[in-house]
Amino acid sequence: MTPDLLTDAEALLTRCRNRGLKLATAESCTGGMIGATLTAISGSADVFECGFITYSNEAKIGMLGIPASLVEEAGAVSEEVARAMAEAALERSRADWAISVTGIAGPTGGSIDKPVGLVWFGLAGRGGKPSTERQVFPGDRSQIRIATVARSFALLREALD
């Protein structure tokens, strides 16, 4: 958790608080870092509803209800699964917005089609159409995870604007 991430988290929480909005997360490759960064800020409970840490495929299926066939066909690190994760986090919470991340933080696990640093983001809001984004971040495992948290906050800010 970097000072910049904490500053971004505080700004996002303030923006949500001023609008009476709640957030939820569904995290895989970050292992809860988005939620941990948000909750490092005192008073975050009025905005941060909940977080699902679904690191394994079994957790994505069991906790979020992602169809096993979707995980098997598209792969856990895919646009389809990222979208489904965000939608499921929204459905399973009282949040107004949900962000999801699934990716390969490395240093192992990458392939030609899905390199280390690949992260799919899902974003879902009440009454809106879910969106996704693909990023490939450079760096080591820690740098990739930090970049993923930072981009999550940026996507949420953009959605609120």
N, C-alpha and C. Protein backbone atom coordinates (compact mmCIF):
# COMPACT_ATOMS: atom_id res chain seq x y z
N MET A 1 0.87 -1.17 0.00
CA MET A 1 0.00 0.00 0.00
C MET A 1 0.90 1.23 0.00
N THR A 2 0.76 2.04 -1.01
CA THR A 2 1.62 3.22 -1.13
C THR A 2 0.87 4.48 -0.69
N PRO A 3 1.59 5.53 -0.36
CA PRO A 3 0.91 6.79 -0.02
C PRO A 3 0.00 7.29 -1.14
N ASP A 4 0.42 7.11 -2.39
CA ASP A 4 -0.43 7.54 -3.51
C ASP A 4 -1.74 6.76 -3.55
N LEU A 5 -1.67 5.46 -3.30
CA LEU A 5 -2.89 4.65 -3.29
C LEU A 5 -3.81 5.08 -2.16
N LEU A 6 -3.25 5.39 -1.02
CA LEU A 6 -4.08 5.84 0.11
C LEU A 6 -4.74 7.19 -0.21
N THR A 7 -4.02 8.06 -0.86
CA THR A 7 -4.59 9.35 -1.28
C THR A 7 -5.73 9.13 -2.27
N ASP A 8 -5.51 8.24 -3.24
CA ASP A 8 -6.55 7.91 -4.22
C ASP A 8 -7.76 7.29 -3.55
N ALA A 9 -7.52 6.39 -2.60
CA ALA A 9 -8.61 5.74 -1.88
C ALA A 9 -9.43 6.76 -1.11
N GLU A 10 -8.76 7.67 -0.44
CA GLU A 10 -9.47 8.68 0.34
C GLU A 10 -10.32 9.58 -0.56
N ALA A 11 -9.77 9.96 -1.70
CA ALA A 11 -10.53 10.79 -2.65
C ALA A 11 -11.75 10.05 -3.19
N LEU A 12 -11.58 8.76 -3.50
CA LEU A 12 -12.70 7.96 -4.00
C LEU A 12 -13.77 7.80 -2.93
N LEU A 13 -13.36 7.52 -1.71
CA LEU A 13 -14.32 7.39 -0.62
C LEU A 13 -15.10 8.68 -0.40
N THR A 14 -14.41 9.81 -0.44
CA THR A 14 -15.08 11.10 -0.26
C THR A 14 -16.09 11.34 -1.37
N ARG A 15 -15.70 11.04 -2.60
CA ARG A 15 -16.61 11.22 -3.74
C ARG A 15 -17.85 10.35 -3.58
N CYS A 16 -17.66 9.11 -3.18
CA CYS A 16 -18.80 8.21 -2.98
C CYS A 16 -19.66 8.67 -1.80
N ARG A 17 -19.00 9.03 -0.71
CA ARG A 17 -19.72 9.48 0.49
C ARG A 17 -20.60 10.69 0.16
N ASN A 18 -20.06 11.64 -0.59
CA ASN A 18 -20.81 12.84 -0.95
C ASN A 18 -22.03 12.53 -1.80
N ARG A 19 -22.01 11.40 -2.48
CA ARG A 19 -23.14 11.00 -3.33
C ARG A 19 -23.98 9.90 -2.70
N GLY A 20 -23.61 9.46 -1.52
CA GLY A 20 -24.36 8.40 -0.85
C GLY A 20 -24.23 7.05 -1.52
N LEU A 21 -23.07 6.78 -2.11
CA LEU A 21 -22.85 5.54 -2.85
C LEU A 21 -22.02 4.55 -2.06
N LYS A 22 -22.31 3.27 -2.29
CA LYS A 22 -21.55 2.18 -1.66
C LYS A 22 -20.81 1.39 -2.73
N LEU A 23 -19.65 0.83 -2.33
CA LEU A 23 -18.80 0.06 -3.24
C LEU A 23 -18.64 -1.37 -2.76
N ALA A 24 -18.47 -2.28 -3.72
CA ALA A 24 -18.11 -3.67 -3.45
C ALA A 24 -16.98 -4.06 -4.39
N THR A 25 -16.21 -5.06 -3.98
CA THR A 25 -15.13 -5.56 -4.82
C THR A 25 -15.23 -7.07 -4.96
N ALA A 26 -14.70 -7.56 -6.07
CA ALA A 26 -14.51 -9.00 -6.29
C ALA A 26 -13.08 -9.11 -6.81
N GLU A 27 -12.20 -9.63 -5.98
CA GLU A 27 -10.77 -9.62 -6.29
C GLU A 27 -10.19 -11.02 -6.41
N SER A 28 -9.35 -11.16 -7.42
CA SER A 28 -8.58 -12.39 -7.56
C SER A 28 -7.10 -12.06 -7.43
N CYS A 29 -6.47 -11.54 -8.46
CA CYS A 29 -5.01 -11.36 -8.46
C CYS A 29 -4.51 -10.38 -7.41
N THR A 30 -5.36 -9.51 -6.89
CA THR A 30 -4.95 -8.56 -5.86
C THR A 30 -5.15 -9.12 -4.46
N GLY A 31 -5.83 -10.22 -4.32
CA GLY A 31 -5.97 -10.88 -3.03
C GLY A 31 -6.55 -10.01 -1.93
N GLY A 32 -7.38 -9.05 -2.28
CA GLY A 32 -8.01 -8.19 -1.27
C GLY A 32 -7.36 -6.83 -1.11
N MET A 33 -6.36 -6.52 -1.93
CA MET A 33 -5.66 -5.24 -1.79
C MET A 33 -6.54 -4.02 -2.04
N ILE A 34 -7.52 -4.15 -2.93
CA ILE A 34 -8.41 -3.00 -3.19
C ILE A 34 -9.20 -2.70 -1.93
N GLY A 35 -9.83 -3.73 -1.38
CA GLY A 35 -10.59 -3.55 -0.15
C GLY A 35 -9.72 -3.13 1.01
N ALA A 36 -8.52 -3.70 1.12
CA ALA A 36 -7.61 -3.35 2.21
C ALA A 36 -7.19 -1.88 2.12
N THR A 37 -6.97 -1.40 0.92
CA THR A 37 -6.57 0.00 0.75
C THR A 37 -7.72 0.92 1.11
N LEU A 38 -8.91 0.59 0.67
CA LEU A 38 -10.07 1.40 1.01
C LEU A 38 -10.31 1.43 2.52
N THR A 39 -10.20 0.26 3.15
CA THR A 39 -10.51 0.19 4.57
C THR A 39 -9.35 0.65 5.46
N ALA A 40 -8.22 0.99 4.87
CA ALA A 40 -7.13 1.61 5.63
C ALA A 40 -7.49 3.04 6.01
N ILE A 41 -8.53 3.57 5.37
CA ILE A 41 -9.00 4.93 5.63
C ILE A 41 -10.09 4.88 6.70
N SER A 42 -9.90 5.61 7.77
CA SER A 42 -10.90 5.66 8.84
C SER A 42 -12.23 6.19 8.30
N GLY A 43 -13.31 5.54 8.70
CA GLY A 43 -14.63 5.97 8.26
C GLY A 43 -15.07 5.36 6.94
N SER A 44 -14.29 4.43 6.40
CA SER A 44 -14.63 3.85 5.10
C SER A 44 -15.87 2.96 5.15
N ALA A 45 -16.31 2.57 6.32
CA ALA A 45 -17.46 1.66 6.44
C ALA A 45 -18.74 2.23 5.87
N ASP A 46 -18.85 3.55 5.80
CA ASP A 46 -20.07 4.12 5.22
C ASP A 46 -20.09 4.06 3.70
N VAL A 47 -18.98 3.67 3.08
CA VAL A 47 -18.90 3.55 1.63
C VAL A 47 -18.59 2.11 1.20
N PHE A 48 -17.62 1.48 1.84
CA PHE A 48 -17.20 0.14 1.43
C PHE A 48 -18.15 -0.89 2.02
N GLU A 49 -18.95 -1.49 1.16
CA GLU A 49 -19.97 -2.46 1.56
C GLU A 49 -19.34 -3.82 1.87
N CYS A 50 -18.59 -4.36 0.91
CA CYS A 50 -18.01 -5.68 1.10
C CYS A 50 -17.02 -5.99 -0.01
N GLY A 51 -16.22 -7.02 0.25
CA GLY A 51 -15.28 -7.49 -0.75
C GLY A 51 -15.27 -9.01 -0.80
N PHE A 52 -15.23 -9.53 -1.99
CA PHE A 52 -15.14 -10.97 -2.21
C PHE A 52 -13.71 -11.25 -2.70
N ILE A 53 -12.96 -12.02 -1.94
CA ILE A 53 -11.63 -12.42 -2.37
C ILE A 53 -11.77 -13.82 -2.93
N THR A 54 -11.79 -13.91 -4.24
CA THR A 54 -12.05 -15.17 -4.93
C THR A 54 -10.82 -15.54 -5.75
N TYR A 55 -9.79 -15.93 -5.04
CA TYR A 55 -8.49 -16.21 -5.66
C TYR A 55 -8.53 -17.48 -6.51
N SER A 56 -9.19 -18.49 -6.02
CA SER A 56 -9.24 -19.77 -6.76
C SER A 56 -10.47 -19.80 -7.67
N ASN A 57 -10.42 -20.70 -8.63
CA ASN A 57 -11.58 -20.90 -9.50
C ASN A 57 -12.77 -21.38 -8.68
N GLU A 58 -12.50 -22.24 -7.70
CA GLU A 58 -13.57 -22.77 -6.86
C GLU A 58 -14.27 -21.65 -6.09
N ALA A 59 -13.51 -20.67 -5.63
CA ALA A 59 -14.10 -19.54 -4.91
C ALA A 59 -14.94 -18.68 -5.85
N LYS A 60 -14.47 -18.48 -7.06
CA LYS A 60 -15.26 -17.71 -8.04
C LYS A 60 -16.60 -18.39 -8.28
N ILE A 61 -16.55 -19.70 -8.38
CA ILE A 61 -17.77 -20.48 -8.64
C ILE A 61 -18.65 -20.53 -7.39
N GLY A 62 -18.07 -20.86 -6.24
CA GLY A 62 -18.84 -21.04 -5.02
C GLY A 62 -19.32 -19.75 -4.39
N MET A 63 -18.45 -18.77 -4.25
CA MET A 63 -18.82 -17.52 -3.56
C MET A 63 -19.60 -16.56 -4.45
N LEU A 64 -19.22 -16.49 -5.71
CA LEU A 64 -19.86 -15.53 -6.61
C LEU A 64 -20.88 -16.16 -7.54
N GLY A 65 -20.89 -17.48 -7.61
CA GLY A 65 -21.85 -18.13 -8.49
C GLY A 65 -21.49 -18.06 -9.96
N ILE A 66 -20.21 -17.84 -10.25
CA ILE A 66 -19.78 -17.82 -11.66
C ILE A 66 -19.95 -19.25 -12.19
N PRO A 67 -20.59 -19.42 -13.34
CA PRO A 67 -20.76 -20.77 -13.87
C PRO A 67 -19.40 -21.45 -14.11
N ALA A 68 -19.28 -22.69 -13.65
CA ALA A 68 -18.04 -23.44 -13.86
C ALA A 68 -17.71 -23.54 -15.34
N SER A 69 -18.75 -23.66 -16.16
CA SER A 69 -18.52 -23.76 -17.61
C SER A 69 -17.89 -22.49 -18.17
N LEU A 70 -18.25 -21.33 -17.61
CA LEU A 70 -17.66 -20.07 -18.07
C LEU A 70 -16.18 -20.00 -17.70
N VAL A 71 -15.86 -20.38 -16.47
CA VAL A 71 -14.47 -20.38 -16.03
C VAL A 71 -13.65 -21.36 -16.88
N GLU A 72 -14.23 -22.53 -17.15
CA GLU A 72 -13.53 -23.54 -17.93
C GLU A 72 -13.33 -23.10 -19.38
N GLU A 73 -14.36 -22.54 -19.99
CA GLU A 73 -14.29 -22.18 -21.41
C GLU A 73 -13.49 -20.90 -21.66
N ALA A 74 -13.75 -19.86 -20.89
CA ALA A 74 -13.08 -18.58 -21.11
C ALA A 74 -11.77 -18.47 -20.35
N GLY A 75 -11.67 -19.19 -19.25
CA GLY A 75 -10.51 -19.08 -18.37
C GLY A 75 -10.79 -18.08 -17.26
N ALA A 76 -10.18 -18.31 -16.11
CA ALA A 76 -10.40 -17.42 -14.97
C ALA A 76 -9.94 -16.00 -15.27
N VAL A 77 -8.89 -15.87 -16.06
CA VAL A 77 -8.38 -14.55 -16.45
C VAL A 77 -8.93 -14.25 -17.84
N SER A 78 -10.12 -13.64 -17.85
CA SER A 78 -10.79 -13.37 -19.12
C SER A 78 -11.78 -12.22 -18.94
N GLU A 79 -12.14 -11.63 -20.04
CA GLU A 79 -13.13 -10.57 -20.03
C GLU A 79 -14.46 -11.07 -19.48
N GLU A 80 -14.86 -12.26 -19.91
CA GLU A 80 -16.15 -12.81 -19.51
C GLU A 80 -16.23 -13.03 -18.00
N VAL A 81 -15.15 -13.57 -17.43
CA VAL A 81 -15.15 -13.83 -15.98
C VAL A 81 -15.07 -12.52 -15.20
N ALA A 82 -14.28 -11.56 -15.68
CA ALA A 82 -14.21 -10.26 -15.00
C ALA A 82 -15.59 -9.60 -14.95
N ARG A 83 -16.31 -9.63 -16.07
CA ARG A 83 -17.66 -9.05 -16.11
C ARG A 83 -18.59 -9.78 -15.15
N ALA A 84 -18.55 -11.11 -15.19
CA ALA A 84 -19.41 -11.90 -14.31
C ALA A 84 -19.10 -11.67 -12.84
N MET A 85 -17.83 -11.50 -12.51
CA MET A 85 -17.43 -11.23 -11.12
C MET A 85 -18.01 -9.91 -10.63
N ALA A 86 -17.91 -8.87 -11.45
CA ALA A 86 -18.44 -7.56 -11.05
C ALA A 86 -19.95 -7.61 -10.89
N GLU A 87 -20.63 -8.25 -11.84
CA GLU A 87 -22.08 -8.37 -11.76
C GLU A 87 -22.50 -9.15 -10.52
N ALA A 88 -21.78 -10.22 -10.21
CA ALA A 88 -22.12 -11.05 -9.05
C ALA A 88 -21.88 -10.29 -7.74
N ALA A 89 -20.80 -9.54 -7.66
CA ALA A 89 -20.53 -8.76 -6.45
C ALA A 89 -21.63 -7.73 -6.23
N LEU A 90 -22.11 -7.14 -7.30
CA LEU A 90 -23.19 -6.17 -7.21
C LEU A 90 -24.48 -6.86 -6.74
N GLU A 91 -24.80 -8.00 -7.34
CA GLU A 91 -26.02 -8.75 -7.00
C GLU A 91 -26.01 -9.24 -5.56
N ARG A 92 -24.81 -9.59 -5.05
CA ARG A 92 -24.70 -10.18 -3.72
C ARG A 92 -24.43 -9.14 -2.63
N SER A 93 -24.62 -7.88 -2.95
CA SER A 93 -24.36 -6.82 -1.97
C SER A 93 -25.41 -5.72 -2.10
N ARG A 94 -25.29 -4.75 -1.22
CA ARG A 94 -26.15 -3.57 -1.30
C ARG A 94 -25.41 -2.40 -1.95
N ALA A 95 -24.29 -2.71 -2.60
CA ALA A 95 -23.46 -1.67 -3.21
C ALA A 95 -24.14 -1.09 -4.45
N ASP A 96 -23.72 0.12 -4.78
CA ASP A 96 -24.17 0.79 -6.00
C ASP A 96 -23.23 0.52 -7.16
N TRP A 97 -21.95 0.26 -6.83
CA TRP A 97 -20.92 -0.02 -7.82
C TRP A 97 -20.07 -1.17 -7.34
N ALA A 98 -19.66 -2.02 -8.28
CA ALA A 98 -18.74 -3.11 -7.97
C ALA A 98 -17.63 -3.15 -9.00
N ILE A 99 -16.42 -3.36 -8.52
CA ILE A 99 -15.25 -3.50 -9.40
C ILE A 99 -14.69 -4.89 -9.19
N SER A 100 -14.26 -5.52 -10.27
CA SER A 100 -13.62 -6.83 -10.15
C SER A 100 -12.29 -6.82 -10.88
N VAL A 101 -11.40 -7.69 -10.42
CA VAL A 101 -10.10 -7.86 -11.07
C VAL A 101 -9.74 -9.33 -11.09
N THR A 102 -9.22 -9.77 -12.23
CA THR A 102 -8.70 -11.12 -12.36
C THR A 102 -7.51 -11.05 -13.31
N GLY A 103 -6.39 -11.61 -12.89
CA GLY A 103 -5.20 -11.45 -13.71
C GLY A 103 -4.08 -12.39 -13.31
N ILE A 104 -2.92 -12.12 -13.91
CA ILE A 104 -1.73 -12.93 -13.68
C ILE A 104 -0.63 -12.00 -13.17
N ALA A 105 -0.41 -12.04 -11.86
CA ALA A 105 0.57 -11.14 -11.24
C ALA A 105 2.00 -11.68 -11.34
N GLY A 106 2.14 -12.97 -11.65
CA GLY A 106 3.46 -13.54 -11.86
C GLY A 106 4.22 -13.81 -10.57
N PRO A 107 5.45 -14.18 -10.68
CA PRO A 107 6.21 -14.28 -11.92
C PRO A 107 5.88 -15.53 -12.74
N THR A 108 5.14 -16.48 -12.15
CA THR A 108 4.76 -17.68 -12.90
C THR A 108 3.32 -17.55 -13.36
N GLY A 109 2.89 -18.47 -14.22
CA GLY A 109 1.50 -18.54 -14.62
C GLY A 109 1.17 -17.89 -15.94
N GLY A 110 2.11 -17.18 -16.54
CA GLY A 110 1.84 -16.51 -17.80
C GLY A 110 1.99 -17.44 -18.99
N SER A 111 1.45 -16.99 -20.12
CA SER A 111 1.57 -17.72 -21.38
C SER A 111 1.63 -16.69 -22.51
N ILE A 112 1.77 -17.16 -23.71
CA ILE A 112 1.79 -16.25 -24.87
C ILE A 112 0.48 -15.47 -24.94
N ASP A 113 -0.65 -16.17 -24.79
CA ASP A 113 -1.97 -15.53 -24.88
C ASP A 113 -2.32 -14.72 -23.64
N LYS A 114 -1.81 -15.15 -22.49
CA LYS A 114 -2.12 -14.49 -21.22
C LYS A 114 -0.81 -14.27 -20.46
N PRO A 115 -0.12 -13.17 -20.81
CA PRO A 115 1.19 -12.94 -20.21
C PRO A 115 1.11 -12.47 -18.76
N VAL A 116 2.22 -12.62 -18.06
CA VAL A 116 2.33 -12.04 -16.72
C VAL A 116 2.07 -10.54 -16.87
N GLY A 117 1.26 -10.01 -15.97
CA GLY A 117 0.89 -8.60 -16.02
C GLY A 117 -0.49 -8.36 -16.60
N LEU A 118 -1.08 -9.39 -17.23
CA LEU A 118 -2.43 -9.25 -17.79
C LEU A 118 -3.46 -9.18 -16.68
N VAL A 119 -4.29 -8.15 -16.73
CA VAL A 119 -5.39 -8.01 -15.77
C VAL A 119 -6.64 -7.60 -16.53
N TRP A 120 -7.72 -8.30 -16.24
CA TRP A 120 -9.05 -7.92 -16.73
C TRP A 120 -9.81 -7.28 -15.58
N PHE A 121 -10.43 -6.14 -15.85
CA PHE A 121 -11.24 -5.41 -14.89
C PHE A 121 -12.69 -5.52 -15.31
N GLY A 122 -13.57 -5.66 -14.35
CA GLY A 122 -15.01 -5.60 -14.59
C GLY A 122 -15.58 -4.48 -13.73
N LEU A 123 -16.54 -3.77 -14.25
CA LEU A 123 -17.18 -2.68 -13.50
C LEU A 123 -18.68 -2.77 -13.74
N ALA A 124 -19.43 -2.79 -12.66
CA ALA A 124 -20.89 -2.87 -12.76
C ALA A 124 -21.53 -1.87 -11.81
N GLY A 125 -22.54 -1.18 -12.31
CA GLY A 125 -23.29 -0.23 -11.48
C GLY A 125 -24.77 -0.49 -11.59
N ARG A 126 -25.49 -0.17 -10.54
CA ARG A 126 -26.94 -0.38 -10.55
C ARG A 126 -27.57 0.38 -11.71
N GLY A 127 -28.36 -0.33 -12.48
CA GLY A 127 -29.08 0.30 -13.57
C GLY A 127 -28.25 0.60 -14.80
N GLY A 128 -27.01 0.16 -14.83
CA GLY A 128 -26.15 0.43 -15.98
C GLY A 128 -25.66 -0.85 -16.62
N LYS A 129 -25.00 -0.68 -17.74
CA LYS A 129 -24.43 -1.82 -18.45
C LYS A 129 -23.01 -2.06 -17.95
N PRO A 130 -22.67 -3.29 -17.58
CA PRO A 130 -21.32 -3.58 -17.10
C PRO A 130 -20.28 -3.30 -18.20
N SER A 131 -19.08 -2.94 -17.76
CA SER A 131 -18.00 -2.72 -18.71
C SER A 131 -16.78 -3.50 -18.27
N THR A 132 -15.85 -3.66 -19.19
CA THR A 132 -14.61 -4.37 -18.90
C THR A 132 -13.44 -3.60 -19.49
N GLU A 133 -12.26 -3.90 -18.99
CA GLU A 133 -11.04 -3.30 -19.53
C GLU A 133 -9.91 -4.30 -19.38
N ARG A 134 -9.05 -4.33 -20.37
CA ARG A 134 -7.87 -5.20 -20.37
C ARG A 134 -6.62 -4.33 -20.24
N GLN A 135 -5.75 -4.71 -19.34
CA GLN A 135 -4.47 -4.02 -19.17
C GLN A 135 -3.37 -5.07 -19.06
N VAL A 136 -2.18 -4.72 -19.53
CA VAL A 136 -1.00 -5.54 -19.27
C VAL A 136 0.00 -4.60 -18.60
N PHE A 137 0.23 -4.84 -17.31
CA PHE A 137 1.11 -3.99 -16.53
C PHE A 137 2.53 -4.55 -16.50
N PRO A 138 3.52 -3.68 -16.58
CA PRO A 138 4.91 -4.13 -16.45
C PRO A 138 5.30 -4.27 -14.99
N GLY A 139 6.42 -4.93 -14.76
CA GLY A 139 6.98 -4.98 -13.42
C GLY A 139 6.87 -6.34 -12.78
N ASP A 140 7.25 -6.36 -11.51
CA ASP A 140 7.20 -7.59 -10.74
C ASP A 140 5.80 -7.76 -10.12
N ARG A 141 5.64 -8.80 -9.38
CA ARG A 141 4.34 -9.14 -8.79
C ARG A 141 3.77 -7.98 -7.97
N SER A 142 4.57 -7.39 -7.14
CA SER A 142 4.11 -6.28 -6.30
C SER A 142 3.71 -5.08 -7.16
N GLN A 143 4.51 -4.75 -8.13
CA GLN A 143 4.21 -3.60 -9.01
C GLN A 143 2.92 -3.83 -9.80
N ILE A 144 2.71 -5.03 -10.27
CA ILE A 144 1.50 -5.36 -11.03
C ILE A 144 0.27 -5.23 -10.13
N ARG A 145 0.36 -5.72 -8.92
CA ARG A 145 -0.78 -5.64 -8.01
C ARG A 145 -1.08 -4.20 -7.61
N ILE A 146 -0.05 -3.41 -7.35
CA ILE A 146 -0.25 -1.99 -7.02
C ILE A 146 -0.87 -1.25 -8.20
N ALA A 147 -0.38 -1.51 -9.40
CA ALA A 147 -0.94 -0.87 -10.61
C ALA A 147 -2.40 -1.26 -10.79
N THR A 148 -2.73 -2.49 -10.46
CA THR A 148 -4.11 -2.97 -10.58
C THR A 148 -5.03 -2.22 -9.61
N VAL A 149 -4.59 -2.03 -8.39
CA VAL A 149 -5.38 -1.28 -7.41
C VAL A 149 -5.56 0.16 -7.90
N ALA A 150 -4.48 0.77 -8.35
CA ALA A 150 -4.56 2.16 -8.82
C ALA A 150 -5.53 2.29 -9.99
N ARG A 151 -5.46 1.36 -10.93
CA ARG A 151 -6.37 1.42 -12.09
C ARG A 151 -7.81 1.17 -11.66
N SER A 152 -8.02 0.32 -10.67
CA SER A 152 -9.38 0.08 -10.15
C SER A 152 -9.98 1.38 -9.63
N PHE A 153 -9.18 2.11 -8.86
CA PHE A 153 -9.68 3.38 -8.33
C PHE A 153 -9.96 4.37 -9.45
N ALA A 154 -9.11 4.40 -10.47
CA ALA A 154 -9.32 5.30 -11.61
C ALA A 154 -10.60 4.93 -12.36
N LEU A 155 -10.84 3.64 -12.58
CA LEU A 155 -12.06 3.21 -13.27
C LEU A 155 -13.30 3.61 -12.49
N LEU A 156 -13.26 3.46 -11.19
CA LEU A 156 -14.41 3.85 -10.36
C LEU A 156 -14.62 5.37 -10.42
N ARG A 157 -13.54 6.14 -10.33
CA ARG A 157 -13.66 7.60 -10.43
C ARG A 157 -14.27 8.01 -11.77
N GLU A 158 -13.79 7.39 -12.86
CA GLU A 158 -14.31 7.70 -14.19
C GLU A 158 -15.79 7.37 -14.28
N ALA A 159 -16.20 6.26 -13.69
CA ALA A 159 -17.60 5.86 -13.73
C ALA A 159 -18.49 6.85 -12.97
N LEU A 160 -17.95 7.42 -11.91
CA LEU A 160 -18.71 8.37 -11.09
C LEU A 160 -18.81 9.75 -11.73
N ASP A 161 -17.93 10.05 -12.66
CA ASP A 161 -17.94 11.38 -13.31
C ASP A 161 -19.02 11.51 -14.35
